[in-house]
Amino acid sequence: MANNQKDFGQIAAKIVELVGGKDNIAHAGHCMTRLRITPKDTSLVKIDDIKKTGVIGAQMVGDQVQVIIGKDIDEVYDEFVKITGVERTATIDENLDPELTKKKSFKEILGSIFPAIVSCVFPILPALLACGLLQAVVLLLVNLHVLSPDSPTVATLTWAYNVAYYFLPVLVGYAASRRFNVKAAMGILMGLILVYPDFVALCKQGAGATIPNPGGPPTIIPGTGNAGFLFGLPIYPATYSNTIIPIILCVFAMGYIEKFLNRIIPKSVRFVFVPLLELVIMLPLGLLVLAPIGARLSSAFAGLLIGLFSSPLGKVLIPIFCAIYPFIVITGLHFNLMAVGVAIGSRYGKNPVNHPAGFLFQYTQAAACLAVALKAKNADRRSLALSCAFSDAVPGISEPGMYGITFKYKKSLYAAMIGSAVGGLICAILNVGSYAGGPPNIFTFPVFINPAPVPDAMADLRNIIIAVVVASIVTFALTMVFYKDEEADEIDRQG
């Protein structure tokens, strides 16, 4: 949606034209997100053309035209009133809409979760992509011995490209505020609360630490068990940097809280008291309930995986795990998989689970993005897909590709999942595993080299390369066959 006065006027003028002109408007009002127009003659309304004006969507509900604007509804409505001269009305209760109040099925609710997550990250992709590509450049320069890894320049560039990921809750807080109709400053504020240095330090003290010990059990450093107290209640010691689900849950709740406060607080004092009360409510709700839910889900998921992969079913589950790995990454659950890798690696002598899945994920995502780039007619989409393919393949930064391409254009995602399953099957058959830690990217394949004095120390490295190549080829071929650029155009039009 536009964000300056001139654009609001242009959008309003275009809507007026496409509903048949101001002489065809009998009445016009608005709710929290929609412009609601009652035309005199509905046959003059061009709904499909209204959808192309830069709005979120448009539909006919009975004899009423509903244009979905989102958070900029007040500005667009103001311009609409100026152009048409219709009588200004108070905000309508959006919950009166039958399509909004009807009970949604479980399938509908589940189907809306991942698009909502994508919409909370897509607006910040330029920052994530910029930092990912900067990381790739630094890694290349270091590996080509153009820069020394110990140089002050590399040290500065390293913390610079980590900024977007360390403060990811802040960026997502901003984007989620747009998705859930929360004031942007409040979404950003909630993200800042989750990564405030003093709070992060308390979380680390509360959680303690687990230090891997090759050849033996890890060293456990006990923590205090909490990250301070709020109203006498202990705060769960989870670190929220690099996460997205906790902040999305918080801003989602803020949308309802802000909407409720706007209804009950007089407009004359709303500017001061709505943000204050919103913060007072969200501090205990966010720190004691919502944010810990995301963290506890990650811990529970890690424990479940340790049990499953240590069982006789472990080998059978590897291809399935590789196939669903994109959903593990998009929800942030993969951050807890280091503990899973340490636990399983100590039992088997190598990690056959999350590292192979991570490498297959990175390169099937890259293959899917490359195929989309080759088929895309839209120059912006093609450029984004190529950048995402590079980001996945070289520095191993997956967020731009996930949120910008695969989770947005689902057929490329399904192709990547099938490719990963094929690669996972190869890994399970060939008993592929890693012997060290490190994020999956083009520079960390050596983690699959066996450091022990064995006849074929390169076997796992050779086999993971085979699995990655086969998985990437399968993904690329399936995406080329099933991805349709026309469907992508329609997805973009629908926002």
Protein backbone atom coordinates (compact mmCIF):
# COMPACT_ATOMS: atom_id res chain seq x y z
CA MET A 1 0.00 0.00 0.00
CA ALA A 2 1.18 3.47 -0.73
CA ASN A 3 2.72 5.56 1.99
CA ASN A 4 2.54 9.16 0.83
CA GLN A 5 -0.29 11.63 0.32
CA LYS A 6 -0.04 11.71 -3.48
CA ASP A 7 -0.35 7.92 -3.74
CA PHE A 8 -3.38 7.83 -1.45
CA GLY A 9 -5.11 10.34 -3.69
CA GLN A 10 -4.26 8.39 -6.83
CA ILE A 11 -5.54 5.12 -5.34
CA ALA A 12 -8.77 6.75 -4.15
CA ALA A 13 -9.32 8.42 -7.54
CA LYS A 14 -8.80 5.13 -9.36
CA ILE A 15 -11.28 3.34 -7.07
CA VAL A 16 -13.86 6.07 -7.70
CA GLU A 17 -13.41 5.66 -11.44
CA LEU A 18 -13.72 1.85 -11.30
CA VAL A 19 -16.93 1.85 -9.24
CA GLY A 20 -18.59 3.92 -11.95
CA GLY A 21 -17.64 7.45 -10.91
CA LYS A 22 -18.79 9.57 -7.98
CA ASP A 23 -22.29 9.89 -9.43
CA ASN A 24 -22.70 6.11 -9.04
CA ILE A 25 -21.92 6.14 -5.30
CA ALA A 26 -24.91 6.04 -2.97
CA HIS A 27 -22.94 5.64 0.23
CA ALA A 28 -19.36 4.99 1.39
CA GLY A 29 -17.94 4.09 4.78
CA HIS A 30 -15.02 2.15 6.17
CA CYS A 31 -13.99 -0.27 8.91
CA MET A 32 -10.52 -0.94 10.30
CA THR A 33 -9.19 -2.30 6.99
CA ARG A 34 -11.81 -1.90 4.24
CA LEU A 35 -13.37 0.83 2.16
CA ARG A 36 -17.08 -0.04 1.82
CA ILE A 37 -18.96 1.45 -1.11
CA THR A 38 -22.62 1.05 -1.99
CA PRO A 39 -23.00 1.76 -5.73
CA LYS A 40 -26.29 2.77 -7.35
CA ASP A 41 -25.66 0.47 -10.31
CA THR A 42 -23.50 -2.59 -9.54
CA SER A 43 -23.09 -3.41 -13.24
CA LEU A 44 -20.71 -0.43 -13.56
CA VAL A 45 -18.31 -1.80 -10.94
CA LYS A 46 -15.08 -3.35 -12.25
CA ILE A 47 -13.95 -5.55 -9.36
CA ASP A 48 -11.07 -7.22 -11.20
CA ASP A 49 -9.63 -3.85 -12.20
CA ILE A 50 -9.91 -2.53 -8.63
CA LYS A 51 -7.74 -5.45 -7.47
CA LYS A 52 -4.97 -4.17 -9.74
CA THR A 53 -4.84 -0.65 -8.26
CA GLY A 54 -2.34 -1.48 -5.50
CA VAL A 55 -4.91 -2.50 -2.88
CA ILE A 56 -4.79 -5.79 -0.96
CA GLY A 57 -8.01 -7.07 -2.54
CA ALA A 58 -11.60 -6.31 -3.51
CA GLN A 59 -14.90 -8.18 -3.49
CA MET A 60 -18.66 -7.78 -3.83
CA VAL A 61 -20.60 -8.63 -0.66
CA GLY A 62 -24.26 -8.38 -1.59
CA ASP A 63 -24.67 -4.95 -3.18
CA GLN A 64 -21.62 -3.54 -1.39
CA VAL A 65 -18.14 -3.14 -2.85
CA GLN A 66 -15.47 -3.90 -0.26
CA VAL A 67 -11.96 -2.73 -1.10
CA ILE A 68 -9.38 -4.18 1.31
CA ILE A 69 -6.85 -1.42 2.07
CA GLY A 70 -5.20 -2.52 5.32
CA LYS A 71 -3.51 -0.15 7.75
CA ASP A 72 -3.73 2.87 5.38
CA ILE A 73 -7.52 2.83 5.32
CA ASP A 74 -7.91 6.18 7.12
CA GLU A 75 -5.71 8.01 4.61
CA VAL A 76 -7.38 6.43 1.58
CA TYR A 77 -10.85 7.10 3.01
CA ASP A 78 -9.95 10.75 3.62
CA GLU A 79 -8.94 11.15 -0.04
CA PHE A 80 -12.02 9.23 -1.18
CA VAL A 81 -14.29 11.63 0.74
CA LYS A 82 -12.50 14.67 -0.74
CA ILE A 83 -12.95 13.37 -4.29
CA THR A 84 -16.54 12.17 -4.04
CA GLY A 85 -18.03 14.56 -1.49
CA VAL A 86 -19.85 11.68 0.24
CA GLU A 87 -20.86 12.12 3.86
CA ARG A 88 -18.12 11.00 6.25
CA THR A 89 -19.18 8.15 8.59
CA ALA A 90 -17.80 6.61 11.75
CA THR A 91 -15.70 3.45 11.59
CA ILE A 92 -17.83 0.35 11.07
CA ASP A 93 -17.33 -2.77 13.20
CA GLU A 94 -15.46 -5.13 10.90
CA ASN A 95 -16.73 -8.13 12.86
CA LEU A 96 -20.19 -7.59 11.37
CA ASP A 97 -18.99 -9.14 8.10
CA PRO A 98 -20.41 -12.64 7.78
CA GLU A 99 -17.27 -13.91 5.99
CA LEU A 100 -15.14 -12.69 8.92
CA THR A 101 -17.37 -14.02 11.70
CA LYS A 102 -18.07 -17.46 10.26
CA LYS A 103 -16.18 -20.24 11.97
CA LYS A 104 -13.15 -21.33 9.97
CA SER A 105 -12.33 -24.99 9.51
CA PHE A 106 -9.08 -26.44 10.83
CA LYS A 107 -7.83 -26.80 7.25
CA GLU A 108 -8.52 -23.09 6.56
CA ILE A 109 -6.75 -22.04 9.75
CA LEU A 110 -3.74 -24.27 9.02
CA GLY A 111 -3.60 -23.05 5.43
CA SER A 112 -3.42 -19.43 6.57
CA ILE A 113 -0.51 -19.88 9.00
CA PHE A 114 2.40 -20.11 6.57
CA PRO A 115 1.16 -17.31 4.24
CA ALA A 116 0.88 -15.13 7.36
CA ILE A 117 4.47 -15.99 8.35
CA VAL A 118 5.67 -15.22 4.82
CA SER A 119 3.85 -11.86 4.80
CA CYS A 120 5.57 -10.97 8.08
CA VAL A 121 9.03 -11.50 6.58
CA PHE A 122 8.70 -10.63 2.88
CA PRO A 123 8.85 -6.81 3.44
CA ILE A 124 12.26 -7.11 5.15
CA LEU A 125 13.87 -9.33 2.50
CA PRO A 126 16.08 -6.51 1.13
CA ALA A 127 17.85 -6.26 4.50
CA LEU A 128 18.24 -10.03 4.84
CA LEU A 129 19.42 -10.39 1.26
CA ALA A 130 21.90 -7.53 1.60
CA CYS A 131 23.46 -9.05 4.73
CA GLY A 132 23.51 -12.53 3.19
CA LEU A 133 25.26 -11.33 0.05
CA LEU A 134 27.72 -9.27 2.10
CA GLN A 135 28.54 -12.42 4.05
CA ALA A 136 29.13 -14.26 0.77
CA VAL A 137 31.52 -11.56 -0.42
CA VAL A 138 33.47 -11.62 2.86
CA LEU A 139 33.72 -15.42 2.83
CA LEU A 140 34.93 -15.40 -0.77
CA LEU A 141 37.57 -12.75 -0.09
CA VAL A 142 38.82 -14.66 2.97
CA ASN A 143 38.92 -18.00 1.16
CA LEU A 144 40.70 -16.43 -1.81
CA HIS A 145 43.23 -14.96 0.66
CA VAL A 146 42.44 -11.42 -0.46
CA LEU A 147 41.63 -10.57 3.17
CA SER A 148 43.04 -12.12 6.31
CA PRO A 149 40.40 -13.70 8.58
CA ASP A 150 42.02 -11.86 11.50
CA SER A 151 41.97 -8.41 9.85
CA PRO A 152 40.01 -5.53 11.44
CA THR A 153 38.10 -5.08 8.16
CA VAL A 154 36.80 -8.65 8.28
CA ALA A 155 35.89 -8.20 11.95
CA THR A 156 33.85 -5.08 11.12
CA LEU A 157 32.14 -6.63 8.09
CA THR A 158 31.32 -9.75 10.10
CA TRP A 159 29.36 -7.95 12.77
CA ALA A 160 27.77 -5.76 10.08
CA TYR A 161 26.33 -8.68 8.11
CA ASN A 162 25.14 -10.34 11.34
CA VAL A 163 23.07 -7.29 12.35
CA ALA A 164 19.94 -8.20 10.35
CA TYR A 165 19.84 -11.69 11.84
CA TYR A 166 20.67 -10.71 15.41
CA PHE A 167 17.93 -8.06 15.33
CA LEU A 168 15.57 -10.20 13.25
CA PRO A 169 12.74 -9.86 15.83
CA VAL A 170 12.91 -6.08 15.40
CA LEU A 171 12.63 -6.27 11.61
CA VAL A 172 9.88 -8.89 11.79
CA GLY A 173 8.11 -6.80 14.44
CA TYR A 174 7.90 -3.97 11.91
CA ALA A 175 6.70 -6.21 9.07
CA ALA A 176 4.23 -8.07 11.31
CA SER A 177 2.76 -4.75 12.45
CA ARG A 178 1.77 -4.10 8.83
CA ARG A 179 0.25 -7.57 8.52
CA PHE A 180 -1.79 -7.39 11.74
CA ASN A 181 -2.72 -3.67 11.65
CA VAL A 182 -0.57 -2.60 14.59
CA LYS A 183 1.21 0.74 14.80
CA ALA A 184 4.67 0.13 13.33
CA ALA A 185 6.45 1.72 16.30
CA MET A 186 4.78 -0.74 18.69
CA GLY A 187 5.75 -3.77 16.62
CA ILE A 188 9.35 -2.53 16.49
CA LEU A 189 9.28 -1.83 20.24
CA MET A 190 8.17 -5.40 21.02
CA GLY A 191 11.00 -6.75 18.89
CA LEU A 192 13.51 -4.52 20.68
CA ILE A 193 12.28 -5.77 24.05
CA LEU A 194 13.05 -9.37 23.03
CA VAL A 195 16.66 -8.56 22.03
CA TYR A 196 17.53 -5.84 24.56
CA PRO A 197 21.14 -6.56 25.66
CA ASP A 198 20.38 -6.66 29.40
CA PHE A 199 17.51 -9.10 28.79
CA VAL A 200 19.68 -11.27 26.51
CA ALA A 201 22.37 -11.40 29.23
CA LEU A 202 19.77 -12.47 31.82
CA CYS A 203 18.50 -15.17 29.45
CA LYS A 204 22.03 -16.56 28.97
CA GLN A 205 22.60 -16.61 32.73
CA GLY A 206 19.28 -18.32 33.24
CA ALA A 207 19.73 -20.98 30.58
CA GLY A 208 23.33 -21.88 31.39
CA ALA A 209 25.43 -23.44 28.63
CA THR A 210 26.24 -26.75 26.99
CA ILE A 211 29.80 -27.00 25.64
CA PRO A 212 30.44 -29.90 23.20
CA ASN A 213 33.31 -32.17 24.17
CA PRO A 214 34.55 -34.33 21.26
CA GLY A 215 35.06 -37.90 22.40
CA GLY A 216 33.01 -37.49 25.56
CA PRO A 217 29.83 -36.06 27.09
CA PRO A 218 29.28 -32.30 26.77
CA THR A 219 30.19 -29.99 29.65
CA ILE A 220 27.07 -28.54 31.32
CA ILE A 221 27.25 -25.10 32.93
CA PRO A 222 24.14 -24.66 35.12
CA GLY A 223 22.04 -21.51 34.90
CA THR A 224 19.78 -19.62 37.30
CA GLY A 225 16.65 -21.06 35.68
CA ASN A 226 15.05 -17.73 34.83
CA ALA A 227 15.69 -14.38 33.15
CA GLY A 228 14.45 -12.24 36.01
CA PHE A 229 10.94 -11.74 37.32
CA LEU A 230 7.84 -9.78 36.32
CA PHE A 231 5.09 -9.22 38.91
CA GLY A 232 6.71 -11.97 40.96
CA LEU A 233 6.59 -14.50 38.10
CA PRO A 234 9.81 -15.98 36.62
CA ILE A 235 10.63 -15.13 32.99
CA TYR A 236 11.58 -18.12 30.83
CA PRO A 237 15.29 -17.83 29.85
CA ALA A 238 15.10 -18.11 26.07
CA THR A 239 17.27 -16.13 23.66
CA TYR A 240 15.12 -14.64 20.89
CA SER A 241 17.76 -13.28 18.51
CA ASN A 242 17.47 -14.91 15.05
CA THR A 243 13.89 -16.03 15.77
CA ILE A 244 10.62 -15.04 14.10
CA ILE A 245 7.78 -17.05 15.68
CA PRO A 246 7.88 -15.44 19.17
CA ILE A 247 7.64 -11.89 17.78
CA ILE A 248 4.93 -12.86 15.27
CA LEU A 249 2.85 -14.34 18.11
CA CYS A 250 3.33 -11.14 20.13
CA VAL A 251 2.40 -8.74 17.31
CA PHE A 252 -0.57 -10.94 16.35
CA ALA A 253 -1.91 -10.52 19.90
CA MET A 254 -1.09 -6.79 19.82
CA GLY A 255 -3.41 -6.41 16.83
CA TYR A 256 -6.41 -7.46 18.91
CA ILE A 257 -5.28 -5.51 21.96
CA GLU A 258 -4.73 -2.30 19.98
CA LYS A 259 -8.07 -2.67 18.23
CA PHE A 260 -9.85 -3.19 21.56
CA LEU A 261 -8.13 -0.21 23.19
CA ASN A 262 -9.01 2.03 20.23
CA ARG A 263 -12.67 1.17 20.78
CA ILE A 264 -12.86 1.88 24.51
CA ILE A 265 -10.50 4.86 24.87
CA PRO A 266 -11.77 8.32 23.83
CA LYS A 267 -10.13 9.66 20.70
CA SER A 268 -8.92 12.78 22.50
CA VAL A 269 -6.52 10.77 24.71
CA ARG A 270 -6.01 7.73 22.46
CA PHE A 271 -2.60 8.86 21.17
CA VAL A 272 -1.10 8.68 24.68
CA PHE A 273 -3.02 5.95 26.48
CA VAL A 274 -3.37 3.29 23.75
CA PRO A 275 0.43 2.76 23.38
CA LEU A 276 0.93 2.90 27.16
CA LEU A 277 -1.75 0.34 27.97
CA GLU A 278 -0.72 -1.80 25.01
CA LEU A 279 2.82 -1.99 26.40
CA VAL A 280 1.62 -2.67 29.96
CA ILE A 281 -0.52 -5.57 28.68
CA MET A 282 2.06 -6.97 26.25
CA LEU A 283 5.01 -7.07 28.67
CA PRO A 284 3.57 -9.89 30.83
CA LEU A 285 1.69 -11.48 27.92
CA GLY A 286 4.75 -11.46 25.67
CA LEU A 287 7.54 -12.25 28.14
CA LEU A 288 5.64 -14.74 30.31
CA VAL A 289 3.39 -16.47 27.76
CA LEU A 290 3.68 -15.87 24.01
CA ALA A 291 7.44 -15.62 23.41
CA PRO A 292 8.20 -18.60 25.69
CA ILE A 293 5.65 -20.70 23.77
CA GLY A 294 7.81 -20.45 20.65
CA ALA A 295 10.97 -21.25 22.63
CA ARG A 296 9.41 -24.20 24.46
CA LEU A 297 8.09 -25.61 21.19
CA SER A 298 11.65 -25.60 19.86
CA SER A 299 12.96 -27.42 22.96
CA ALA A 300 10.17 -29.99 22.86
CA PHE A 301 10.75 -30.55 19.15
CA ALA A 302 14.46 -31.15 19.74
CA GLY A 303 13.70 -33.69 22.47
CA LEU A 304 11.23 -35.51 20.22
CA LEU A 305 13.80 -35.76 17.41
CA ILE A 306 16.47 -37.13 19.72
CA GLY A 307 14.09 -39.90 20.75
CA LEU A 308 12.95 -40.72 17.23
CA PHE A 309 16.33 -40.73 15.52
CA SER A 310 17.89 -42.76 18.31
CA SER A 311 15.23 -45.44 17.75
CA PRO A 312 15.25 -48.24 15.11
CA LEU A 313 13.09 -45.97 12.92
CA GLY A 314 15.86 -43.38 12.63
CA LYS A 315 17.07 -44.38 9.17
CA VAL A 316 13.52 -44.54 7.79
CA LEU A 317 12.72 -41.07 9.13
CA ILE A 318 15.71 -39.31 7.54
CA PRO A 319 14.12 -38.81 4.06
CA ILE A 320 10.88 -37.60 5.68
CA PHE A 321 12.81 -35.23 7.93
CA CYS A 322 14.71 -33.86 4.92
CA ALA A 323 11.43 -33.31 3.05
CA ILE A 324 9.77 -31.32 5.85
CA TYR A 325 12.94 -29.41 6.78
CA PRO A 326 11.72 -26.17 5.07
CA PHE A 327 8.85 -26.03 7.59
CA ILE A 328 11.28 -26.61 10.44
CA VAL A 329 13.40 -23.69 9.22
CA ILE A 330 10.52 -21.29 8.57
CA THR A 331 9.25 -21.75 12.12
CA GLY A 332 12.72 -21.33 13.61
CA LEU A 333 12.76 -24.80 15.17
CA HIS A 334 16.07 -25.60 13.46
CA PHE A 335 17.97 -23.45 15.95
CA ASN A 336 17.49 -26.15 18.58
CA LEU A 337 18.84 -28.87 16.31
CA MET A 338 22.45 -28.28 17.39
CA ALA A 339 21.62 -30.10 20.62
CA VAL A 340 20.04 -32.89 18.58
CA GLY A 341 23.18 -33.17 16.45
CA VAL A 342 25.44 -33.31 19.51
CA ALA A 343 23.31 -35.99 21.18
CA ILE A 344 22.98 -38.20 18.11
CA GLY A 345 26.59 -37.59 17.05
CA SER A 346 27.86 -38.77 20.45
CA ARG A 347 25.95 -42.03 19.98
CA TYR A 348 26.83 -42.80 16.34
CA GLY A 349 30.18 -41.05 16.00
CA LYS A 350 28.75 -38.63 13.42
CA ASN A 351 25.62 -36.57 12.82
CA PRO A 352 23.37 -38.19 10.15
CA VAL A 353 20.34 -35.97 10.78
CA ASN A 354 20.27 -32.18 10.77
CA HIS A 355 23.51 -31.49 8.89
CA PRO A 356 22.64 -33.61 5.82
CA ALA A 357 19.09 -32.18 5.94
CA GLY A 358 20.47 -28.65 6.19
CA PHE A 359 22.76 -29.02 3.18
CA LEU A 360 20.00 -30.64 1.10
CA PHE A 361 17.64 -27.84 2.12
CA GLN A 362 20.06 -25.08 1.09
CA TYR A 363 20.79 -26.49 -2.34
CA THR A 364 17.28 -27.64 -3.26
CA GLN A 365 16.09 -24.14 -2.33
CA ALA A 366 18.84 -22.73 -4.55
CA ALA A 367 17.83 -25.05 -7.41
CA ALA A 368 14.17 -24.08 -7.09
CA CYS A 369 15.03 -20.36 -7.09
CA LEU A 370 17.28 -20.80 -10.14
CA ALA A 371 14.48 -22.56 -12.04
CA VAL A 372 12.01 -19.80 -11.13
CA ALA A 373 14.54 -17.21 -12.34
CA LEU A 374 14.87 -18.96 -15.70
CA LYS A 375 11.10 -19.17 -16.18
CA ALA A 376 10.18 -15.75 -14.80
CA LYS A 377 9.17 -13.09 -17.33
CA ASN A 378 8.91 -10.39 -14.66
CA ALA A 379 12.31 -8.69 -14.35
CA ASP A 380 11.97 -8.02 -10.60
CA ARG A 381 11.00 -11.62 -9.87
CA ARG A 382 13.83 -12.95 -12.01
CA SER A 383 16.39 -10.71 -10.29
CA LEU A 384 15.12 -11.65 -6.82
CA ALA A 385 15.15 -15.38 -7.65
CA LEU A 386 18.72 -15.23 -8.96
CA SER A 387 19.88 -13.35 -5.87
CA CYS A 388 18.13 -15.87 -3.64
CA ALA A 389 19.71 -18.81 -5.49
CA PHE A 390 23.16 -17.31 -4.92
CA SER A 391 22.35 -16.53 -1.28
CA ASP A 392 21.30 -20.14 -0.67
CA ALA A 393 24.20 -21.75 -2.53
CA VAL A 394 27.17 -19.65 -1.38
CA PRO A 395 26.77 -18.13 2.13
CA GLY A 396 23.88 -20.47 3.01
CA ILE A 397 21.39 -17.70 3.80
CA SER A 398 17.98 -19.26 3.17
CA GLU A 399 15.51 -16.60 4.37
CA PRO A 400 15.37 -14.57 1.12
CA GLY A 401 14.70 -17.68 -0.97
CA MET A 402 12.10 -19.07 1.43
CA TYR A 403 10.10 -15.92 1.98
CA GLY A 404 10.65 -14.39 -1.43
CA ILE A 405 10.23 -17.43 -3.70
CA THR A 406 9.51 -20.96 -2.48
CA PHE A 407 6.96 -20.40 0.27
CA LYS A 408 5.33 -17.76 -1.89
CA TYR A 409 5.14 -19.85 -5.07
CA LYS A 410 4.22 -23.21 -3.57
CA LYS A 411 5.02 -25.48 -6.52
CA SER A 412 8.70 -24.58 -6.26
CA LEU A 413 8.52 -25.45 -2.55
CA TYR A 414 6.96 -28.84 -3.27
CA ALA A 415 9.65 -29.53 -5.86
CA ALA A 416 12.36 -28.72 -3.30
CA MET A 417 10.72 -30.99 -0.73
CA ILE A 418 10.65 -33.90 -3.18
CA GLY A 419 14.27 -33.25 -4.13
CA SER A 420 15.29 -33.18 -0.46
CA ALA A 421 13.46 -36.44 0.19
CA VAL A 422 15.38 -38.09 -2.67
CA GLY A 423 18.64 -36.70 -1.31
CA GLY A 424 17.70 -37.83 2.20
CA LEU A 425 17.06 -41.36 0.94
CA ILE A 426 20.55 -41.41 -0.60
CA CYS A 427 22.03 -40.15 2.67
CA ALA A 428 20.20 -42.82 4.66
CA ILE A 429 21.31 -45.63 2.31
CA LEU A 430 24.94 -44.43 2.23
CA ASN A 431 25.00 -43.62 5.98
CA VAL A 432 26.08 -39.99 5.43
CA GLY A 433 26.95 -37.92 8.48
CA SER A 434 29.01 -34.89 9.54
CA TYR A 435 31.87 -34.82 12.05
CA ALA A 436 31.90 -31.15 13.04
CA GLY A 437 29.56 -28.20 13.42
CA GLY A 438 28.93 -25.22 11.18
CA PRO A 439 26.15 -23.66 9.11
CA PRO A 440 25.50 -25.36 5.75
CA ASN A 441 27.08 -23.46 2.87
CA ILE A 442 29.60 -23.94 0.09
CA PHE A 443 32.55 -23.43 2.45
CA THR A 444 31.50 -25.92 5.15
CA PHE A 445 31.29 -29.15 3.15
CA PRO A 446 34.56 -30.26 4.86
CA VAL A 447 32.53 -30.97 8.04
CA PHE A 448 31.76 -34.30 6.32
CA ILE A 449 35.46 -35.32 6.27
CA ASN A 450 36.14 -38.04 8.84
CA PRO A 451 39.03 -36.89 11.09
CA ALA A 452 39.70 -40.44 12.31
CA PRO A 453 42.43 -42.58 10.70
CA VAL A 454 40.13 -44.64 8.47
CA PRO A 455 40.75 -46.08 4.97
CA ASP A 456 38.32 -43.69 3.27
CA ALA A 457 38.05 -40.45 5.25
CA MET A 458 36.39 -38.70 2.28
CA ALA A 459 33.48 -41.14 1.94
CA ASP A 460 30.89 -38.98 3.70
CA LEU A 461 32.00 -35.86 1.84
CA ARG A 462 31.77 -37.66 -1.49
CA ASN A 463 28.35 -39.10 -0.65
CA ILE A 464 26.83 -35.81 0.58
CA ILE A 465 27.97 -34.15 -2.66
CA ILE A 466 26.27 -36.94 -4.63
CA ALA A 467 23.08 -36.53 -2.58
CA VAL A 468 23.09 -32.73 -2.95
CA VAL A 469 23.68 -32.88 -6.72
CA VAL A 470 20.93 -35.46 -7.30
CA ALA A 471 18.49 -33.60 -5.02
CA SER A 472 19.22 -30.30 -6.78
CA ILE A 473 18.73 -31.81 -10.24
CA VAL A 474 15.40 -33.37 -9.20
CA THR A 475 14.26 -30.06 -7.69
CA PHE A 476 15.33 -28.02 -10.71
CA ALA A 477 13.60 -30.38 -13.17
CA LEU A 478 10.34 -30.53 -11.18
CA THR A 479 10.25 -26.75 -10.74
CA MET A 480 10.84 -26.20 -14.47
CA VAL A 481 7.92 -28.52 -15.23
CA PHE A 482 5.36 -27.48 -12.62
CA TYR A 483 6.08 -23.81 -11.80
CA LYS A 484 3.83 -21.50 -13.86
CA ASP A 485 4.78 -17.85 -14.17
CA GLU A 486 1.13 -16.91 -14.76
CA GLU A 487 0.21 -18.38 -11.37
CA ALA A 488 3.03 -16.39 -9.78
CA ASP A 489 1.64 -13.22 -11.37
CA GLU A 490 -1.75 -13.92 -9.80
CA ILE A 491 -0.17 -14.59 -6.38
CA ASP A 492 1.66 -11.25 -6.60
CA ARG A 493 -1.55 -9.44 -7.55
CA GLN A 494 -3.33 -10.89 -4.54
CA GLY A 495 -0.55 -9.72 -2.24
